[in-house]
Protein backbone atom coordinates (compact mmCIF):
# COMPACT_ATOMS: atom_id res chain seq x y z
CA MET A 1 -10.68 45.65 -7.36
CA HIS A 2 -11.99 42.92 -5.09
CA SER A 3 -15.42 42.86 -6.77
CA ARG A 4 -13.79 42.36 -10.22
CA ILE A 5 -11.41 39.58 -9.13
CA ARG A 6 -14.02 37.46 -7.32
CA PRO A 7 -16.11 36.48 -10.41
CA LEU A 8 -12.92 35.57 -12.29
CA LEU A 9 -11.76 33.40 -9.42
CA ILE A 10 -15.11 31.61 -9.20
CA ALA A 11 -15.07 30.96 -12.96
CA ALA A 12 -11.52 29.60 -12.80
CA LEU A 13 -12.41 27.26 -9.94
CA ALA A 14 -15.48 26.02 -11.78
CA LEU A 15 -13.44 25.38 -14.95
CA SER A 16 -10.82 23.52 -12.94
CA ALA A 17 -13.42 21.33 -11.26
CA PHE A 18 -15.02 20.53 -14.63
CA ALA A 19 -11.71 19.65 -16.25
CA GLY A 20 -10.69 17.52 -13.30
CA SER A 21 -13.94 15.59 -13.24
CA GLY A 22 -13.88 14.89 -16.98
CA HIS A 23 -10.18 14.27 -17.69
CA ALA A 24 -8.50 13.11 -14.49
CA GLN A 25 -5.94 10.34 -15.06
CA PRO A 26 -6.08 7.29 -12.77
CA ALA A 27 -3.22 7.05 -10.31
CA TRP A 28 -0.26 5.00 -11.56
CA PRO A 29 -0.15 2.04 -11.59
CA ALA A 30 -3.74 1.32 -12.58
CA LYS A 31 -3.11 -1.80 -14.69
CA PRO A 32 -0.52 -4.58 -15.18
CA ILE A 33 3.06 -3.67 -16.11
CA LYS A 34 4.94 -5.49 -18.87
CA TYR A 35 8.59 -6.38 -18.18
CA ILE A 36 10.34 -7.25 -21.46
CA VAL A 37 13.33 -9.59 -21.28
CA PRO A 38 15.26 -9.60 -24.59
CA PHE A 39 16.70 -13.05 -23.91
CA ALA A 40 15.32 -16.59 -23.70
CA PRO A 41 13.75 -18.05 -20.55
CA GLY A 42 16.11 -19.82 -18.18
CA GLY A 43 19.09 -17.47 -18.38
CA VAL A 44 20.42 -14.96 -15.86
CA SER A 45 18.42 -12.02 -17.30
CA ASP A 46 15.22 -14.06 -17.14
CA GLY A 47 15.94 -15.19 -13.58
CA VAL A 48 16.63 -11.63 -12.42
CA ALA A 49 13.49 -10.33 -14.12
CA ARG A 50 11.21 -12.93 -12.56
CA LEU A 51 12.66 -12.32 -9.12
CA VAL A 52 12.27 -8.54 -9.38
CA ALA A 53 8.83 -8.79 -11.00
CA GLN A 54 7.45 -10.99 -8.24
CA HIS A 55 8.39 -8.57 -5.46
CA LEU A 56 7.61 -5.45 -7.48
CA SER A 57 4.09 -6.77 -8.11
CA GLU A 58 3.57 -7.07 -4.36
CA ARG A 59 4.87 -3.56 -3.70
CA LEU A 60 2.90 -1.86 -6.49
CA GLY A 61 -0.33 -3.81 -6.13
CA GLN A 62 -0.40 -4.66 -9.84
CA PRO A 63 0.89 -7.68 -11.78
CA VAL A 64 4.33 -7.24 -13.35
CA ILE A 65 4.36 -9.68 -16.25
CA VAL A 66 7.63 -10.96 -17.74
CA ASP A 67 7.57 -11.03 -21.55
CA ASN A 68 10.52 -12.87 -23.15
CA ARG A 69 11.47 -11.51 -26.59
CA PRO A 70 14.79 -13.23 -27.43
CA GLY A 71 16.85 -12.82 -30.57
CA VAL A 72 20.03 -11.34 -32.09
CA SER A 73 22.04 -10.49 -28.95
CA GLY A 74 19.00 -8.97 -27.29
CA ILE A 75 18.36 -6.56 -30.18
CA LEU A 76 14.84 -7.72 -31.10
CA GLY A 77 13.37 -7.40 -27.62
CA THR A 78 15.13 -4.10 -27.01
CA GLN A 79 13.61 -2.70 -30.21
CA VAL A 80 10.16 -3.68 -28.94
CA ALA A 81 10.79 -1.93 -25.62
CA ALA A 82 12.13 1.22 -27.33
CA ARG A 83 8.93 1.51 -29.40
CA SER A 84 6.55 0.92 -26.49
CA PRO A 85 4.46 3.73 -24.95
CA ALA A 86 6.33 5.75 -22.35
CA ASP A 87 3.50 5.57 -19.83
CA GLY A 88 5.08 3.58 -17.02
CA TYR A 89 3.55 0.29 -18.12
CA THR A 90 6.59 -1.05 -20.00
CA LEU A 91 9.92 -1.98 -18.42
CA MET A 92 12.80 -4.00 -19.81
CA GLY A 93 15.74 -5.93 -18.45
CA GLY A 94 18.82 -4.38 -20.03
CA THR A 95 22.42 -5.57 -19.89
CA ILE A 96 25.90 -4.48 -20.86
CA THR A 97 25.20 -6.10 -24.25
CA THR A 98 21.90 -4.37 -25.04
CA HIS A 99 22.66 -0.99 -23.50
CA ALA A 100 26.40 -0.45 -23.86
CA VAL A 101 28.15 -2.48 -26.55
CA ASN A 102 25.63 -3.53 -29.22
CA PRO A 103 26.06 -0.22 -31.12
CA PHE A 104 29.75 -1.01 -31.63
CA PHE A 105 28.96 -4.34 -33.30
CA THR A 106 25.75 -3.62 -35.23
CA LYS A 107 25.21 -0.59 -37.51
CA SER A 108 21.47 -1.01 -38.08
CA LEU A 109 20.57 -1.49 -34.44
CA GLY A 110 17.06 -0.08 -34.61
CA TYR A 111 17.34 1.67 -31.25
CA ASP A 112 19.63 4.06 -29.37
CA PRO A 113 20.58 2.72 -25.90
CA VAL A 114 20.85 6.26 -24.51
CA ALA A 115 18.29 8.35 -26.42
CA ASP A 116 15.51 5.75 -26.43
CA PHE A 117 15.68 4.70 -22.77
CA VAL A 118 15.87 6.01 -19.23
CA PRO A 119 17.80 3.89 -16.70
CA VAL A 120 15.63 2.94 -13.72
CA ASN A 121 17.72 0.67 -11.50
CA LEU A 122 21.05 -1.16 -11.71
CA VAL A 123 19.98 -4.43 -10.11
CA GLY A 124 23.40 -6.08 -9.94
CA MET A 125 26.80 -6.96 -11.35
CA VAL A 126 27.96 -10.23 -12.90
CA SER A 127 31.61 -11.28 -12.71
CA ASN A 128 33.45 -13.74 -14.94
CA VAL A 129 36.26 -16.11 -14.07
CA LEU A 130 39.20 -17.07 -16.27
CA VAL A 131 39.14 -20.86 -16.29
CA VAL A 132 41.37 -23.45 -17.95
CA PRO A 133 41.03 -27.26 -18.10
CA SER A 134 42.00 -29.10 -14.92
CA ALA A 135 44.82 -30.77 -16.88
CA SER A 136 46.12 -27.47 -18.30
CA ARG A 137 49.81 -26.70 -17.95
CA PHE A 138 48.84 -23.18 -16.88
CA ASN A 139 48.52 -22.50 -13.16
CA SER A 140 48.62 -18.69 -13.22
CA VAL A 141 47.68 -15.72 -15.35
CA ALA A 142 51.37 -14.79 -15.56
CA GLN A 143 52.09 -18.09 -17.30
CA VAL A 144 49.33 -17.43 -19.84
CA ILE A 145 50.69 -13.96 -20.58
CA ALA A 146 54.24 -15.29 -20.94
CA GLU A 147 53.04 -17.91 -23.43
CA LEU A 148 51.17 -15.33 -25.51
CA LYS A 149 54.13 -12.95 -25.49
CA ALA A 150 56.40 -15.71 -26.76
CA LYS A 151 53.86 -17.14 -29.23
CA PRO A 152 51.17 -14.64 -30.29
CA GLU A 153 47.77 -16.18 -31.09
CA SER A 154 48.95 -19.58 -29.90
CA LEU A 155 46.10 -19.88 -27.37
CA THR A 156 42.34 -20.04 -27.91
CA TYR A 157 39.44 -18.76 -25.82
CA GLY A 158 35.77 -19.61 -26.22
CA THR A 159 32.91 -17.11 -26.35
CA ALA A 160 29.19 -17.05 -27.04
CA GLY A 161 29.70 -14.36 -29.68
CA ALA A 162 30.59 -10.72 -30.23
CA GLY A 163 29.66 -8.38 -27.40
CA THR A 164 29.16 -11.12 -24.80
CA SER A 165 30.90 -10.90 -21.46
CA GLN A 166 33.29 -13.69 -22.50
CA HIS A 167 34.28 -11.75 -25.61
CA LEU A 168 34.62 -8.39 -23.85
CA SER A 169 36.75 -9.97 -21.13
CA GLY A 170 39.06 -11.43 -23.78
CA GLN A 171 39.31 -8.12 -25.63
CA LEU A 172 40.17 -6.22 -22.45
CA PHE A 173 42.74 -8.86 -21.51
CA GLU A 174 44.42 -8.47 -24.93
CA ASN A 175 44.20 -4.69 -24.74
CA ILE A 176 45.93 -4.42 -21.36
CA THR A 177 48.51 -7.18 -21.81
CA GLN A 178 49.22 -6.29 -25.47
CA THR A 179 48.79 -9.91 -26.51
CA ARG A 180 46.62 -11.69 -29.06
CA MET A 181 44.52 -14.85 -28.68
CA ARG A 182 42.25 -16.69 -31.09
CA GLN A 183 38.55 -16.41 -30.35
CA ILE A 184 36.45 -19.53 -30.92
CA ILE A 185 32.76 -18.64 -31.16
CA TYR A 186 30.04 -20.99 -29.94
CA LYS A 187 26.26 -20.78 -30.01
CA GLY A 188 26.29 -20.59 -26.23
CA GLY A 189 28.63 -20.43 -23.26
CA SER A 190 27.72 -23.95 -22.14
CA GLN A 191 29.09 -25.41 -25.38
CA ALA A 192 32.35 -23.53 -24.89
CA MET A 193 32.67 -24.99 -21.39
CA VAL A 194 32.14 -28.52 -22.70
CA ASP A 195 34.97 -28.04 -25.19
CA LEU A 196 37.14 -26.46 -22.51
CA VAL A 197 36.76 -29.47 -20.22
CA GLY A 198 37.50 -31.70 -23.21
CA GLY A 199 40.70 -29.81 -23.97
CA GLN A 200 39.58 -28.50 -27.39
CA ILE A 201 40.19 -24.88 -26.34
CA ASP A 202 42.62 -23.34 -23.87
CA MET A 203 40.49 -21.01 -21.76
CA VAL A 204 37.14 -19.31 -21.25
CA PHE A 205 36.16 -16.12 -19.41
CA GLU A 206 32.87 -17.55 -18.12
CA THR A 207 30.35 -16.15 -15.67
CA VAL A 208 30.78 -17.37 -12.11
CA ALA A 209 27.33 -18.96 -12.03
CA ALA A 210 27.87 -20.91 -15.27
CA ALA A 211 31.39 -22.02 -14.33
CA ARG A 212 30.65 -22.88 -10.70
CA PRO A 213 29.53 -26.50 -11.18
CA MET A 214 32.74 -27.31 -13.08
CA ILE A 215 34.84 -25.42 -10.55
CA ASP A 216 33.28 -27.34 -7.67
CA GLY A 217 33.67 -30.59 -9.61
CA LYS A 218 37.40 -29.91 -10.12
CA ARG A 219 36.95 -30.11 -13.89
CA VAL A 220 38.50 -26.67 -14.43
CA LYS A 221 41.08 -24.49 -12.69
CA VAL A 222 40.33 -20.86 -11.90
CA LEU A 223 43.17 -18.44 -12.60
CA GLY A 224 41.42 -15.16 -11.80
CA ILE A 225 38.16 -13.24 -11.50
CA THR A 226 37.24 -10.20 -13.59
CA SER A 227 35.81 -8.02 -10.81
CA ALA A 228 37.73 -5.20 -9.14
CA LYS A 229 37.55 -6.96 -5.76
CA ARG A 230 37.63 -10.60 -4.72
CA GLN A 231 34.21 -12.18 -4.42
CA PRO A 232 32.85 -13.71 -1.18
CA GLY A 233 31.93 -16.92 -2.95
CA LEU A 234 35.49 -17.41 -4.26
CA PRO A 235 37.66 -15.73 -1.63
CA ASP A 236 40.88 -17.53 -2.65
CA VAL A 237 40.62 -16.53 -6.32
CA PRO A 238 42.68 -13.42 -7.13
CA THR A 239 41.32 -10.64 -9.28
CA LEU A 240 42.93 -10.44 -12.70
CA ALA A 241 44.44 -7.12 -11.60
CA GLU A 242 46.08 -8.89 -8.65
CA ALA A 243 47.17 -11.72 -10.95
CA GLY A 244 49.17 -9.52 -13.31
CA VAL A 245 46.72 -7.58 -15.53
CA PRO A 246 46.80 -4.00 -14.15
CA ASN A 247 43.48 -2.13 -13.88
CA PHE A 248 41.53 -5.05 -15.29
CA GLU A 249 37.83 -4.87 -14.44
CA MET A 250 35.07 -6.44 -16.46
CA GLN A 251 31.64 -7.04 -15.04
CA SER A 252 28.51 -7.46 -17.05
CA TRP A 253 25.37 -6.14 -15.40
CA GLN A 254 21.63 -6.51 -15.07
CA GLY A 255 19.48 -3.39 -15.00
CA VAL A 256 15.94 -2.15 -15.51
CA PHE A 257 15.13 0.46 -18.15
CA ALA A 258 11.98 2.25 -19.34
CA PRO A 259 11.16 4.03 -22.62
CA ALA A 260 12.81 7.47 -22.69
CA ALA A 261 9.80 9.75 -22.12
CA THR A 262 8.44 7.82 -19.13
CA PRO A 263 7.41 10.47 -16.54
CA LYS A 264 10.14 11.16 -14.01
CA PRO A 265 7.93 10.63 -10.93
CA ILE A 266 7.16 7.12 -12.19
CA VAL A 267 10.83 6.40 -12.98
CA ASP A 268 11.85 7.66 -9.54
CA ARG A 269 9.25 5.56 -7.75
CA LEU A 270 10.17 2.45 -9.73
CA GLY A 271 13.83 3.04 -8.94
CA ARG A 272 13.09 3.28 -5.21
CA GLU A 273 10.80 0.25 -5.21
CA ILE A 274 13.32 -1.92 -7.06
CA ALA A 275 16.12 -0.74 -4.75
CA ALA A 276 13.98 -1.84 -1.80
CA VAL A 277 13.44 -5.22 -3.47
CA VAL A 278 17.18 -5.65 -4.12
CA ALA A 279 17.91 -4.84 -0.47
CA LEU A 280 15.78 -7.75 0.80
CA PRO A 281 18.01 -10.49 2.29
CA ASP A 282 16.20 -13.33 0.50
CA VAL A 283 16.40 -11.49 -2.82
CA GLN A 284 20.11 -10.87 -2.32
CA ALA A 285 20.65 -14.57 -1.63
CA LYS A 286 18.74 -15.54 -4.77
CA LEU A 287 20.60 -12.98 -6.89
CA ARG A 288 23.93 -14.35 -5.69
CA GLY A 289 22.65 -17.80 -6.57
CA LEU A 290 22.27 -16.51 -10.14
CA GLY A 291 25.82 -15.15 -10.04
CA VAL A 292 24.64 -11.55 -9.62
CA GLU A 293 26.14 -9.33 -6.93
CA PRO A 294 23.31 -7.00 -5.73
CA ASP A 295 23.68 -3.28 -6.44
CA GLY A 296 20.45 -1.25 -6.59
CA ARG A 297 21.66 2.13 -7.88
CA THR A 298 18.72 4.26 -9.02
CA SER A 299 18.22 6.42 -12.12
CA GLU A 300 20.80 9.21 -11.89
CA ALA A 301 23.67 7.02 -10.65
CA PHE A 302 22.74 4.26 -13.11
CA THR A 303 22.69 6.79 -15.96
CA ALA A 304 26.22 7.95 -15.14
CA PHE A 305 27.37 4.33 -14.88
CA GLN A 306 25.84 3.37 -18.24
CA ARG A 307 27.52 6.26 -20.06
CA ALA A 308 30.88 5.42 -18.49
CA GLU A 309 30.47 1.80 -19.64
CA ILE A 310 29.72 2.91 -23.21
CA ALA A 311 32.85 5.09 -23.26
CA LYS A 312 35.04 2.36 -21.73
CA TRP A 313 33.98 -0.47 -24.00
CA GLY A 314 33.83 1.74 -27.09
CA LYS A 315 37.54 2.41 -26.66
CA VAL A 316 38.38 -1.26 -26.03
CA ILE A 317 36.45 -2.35 -29.12
CA LYS A 318 37.94 0.41 -31.27
CA ASP A 319 41.47 -0.42 -30.11
CA ALA A 320 40.80 -4.05 -31.07
CA GLY A 321 40.06 -2.90 -34.62
CA ILE A 322 36.49 -4.25 -34.55
CA GLN A 323 34.07 -2.58 -36.99
CA ALA A 324 30.28 -2.56 -36.69
CA GLU A 325 28.62 -4.70 -39.33
């Protein structure tokens, strides 16, 4: 028996050595990594991506190159990422818009946020604040609700379009309070804030980072924050749940995704490396400067979170009677 097995074993070892020498794959990462951002330079997603990319490059020993592909609520860049090779050399910065709510607003999306991607790391959460002009007669959320109960659709709120955090915050507010407001859509959140300060609209659910200069300048009043807990940077501002909107929680988010078939060992390593980056004190300070509260959940926890977000916002949007176009 031994004499018959030995030649077979030698042949197998020789074949293995030949195959390994001719077809061995270089260890990942062996070349630069592309990090697609489906929004324009200068925004929160771009800022987060450049911060993560810088530190990830140092940790991986390869350049991580940010590639901005803006357009149509992040759809164009997300399509590019979905169609990229799943080899560990393409990442993308995904948000609540691109990876949770776009399917409820756009029928011909060109990608599936679940089937076409694997979540890598939930970098952080972004809260909004409900702000009104400094001269507004409203000093509390309860007063706003009372006004809307007495006069449905009598108040306006500004947004940067369907599926944005401003819009989702307004929809959830209406859903919980059983009220109706009039949405005024702008090309960007900054334009809505200009009109808010000028008294052309009644309120905006704006991100903390975008609203902060006008808060500090006393040009707006803050009635509440959309997070589940009060934020360290605005400790005196009540959550909307505390202010009279039970169970209200709306936070947009910044995460990193990869094409769906990216090998799990690569996804797991990327998740760990990005979590280590997010844990750095200087990175946390810079994220908070962008209005992003650091998180760092890796693939499995981020996957569960993403699916819960899709279910939550799908119901809110459906209850609002919004149809995908």
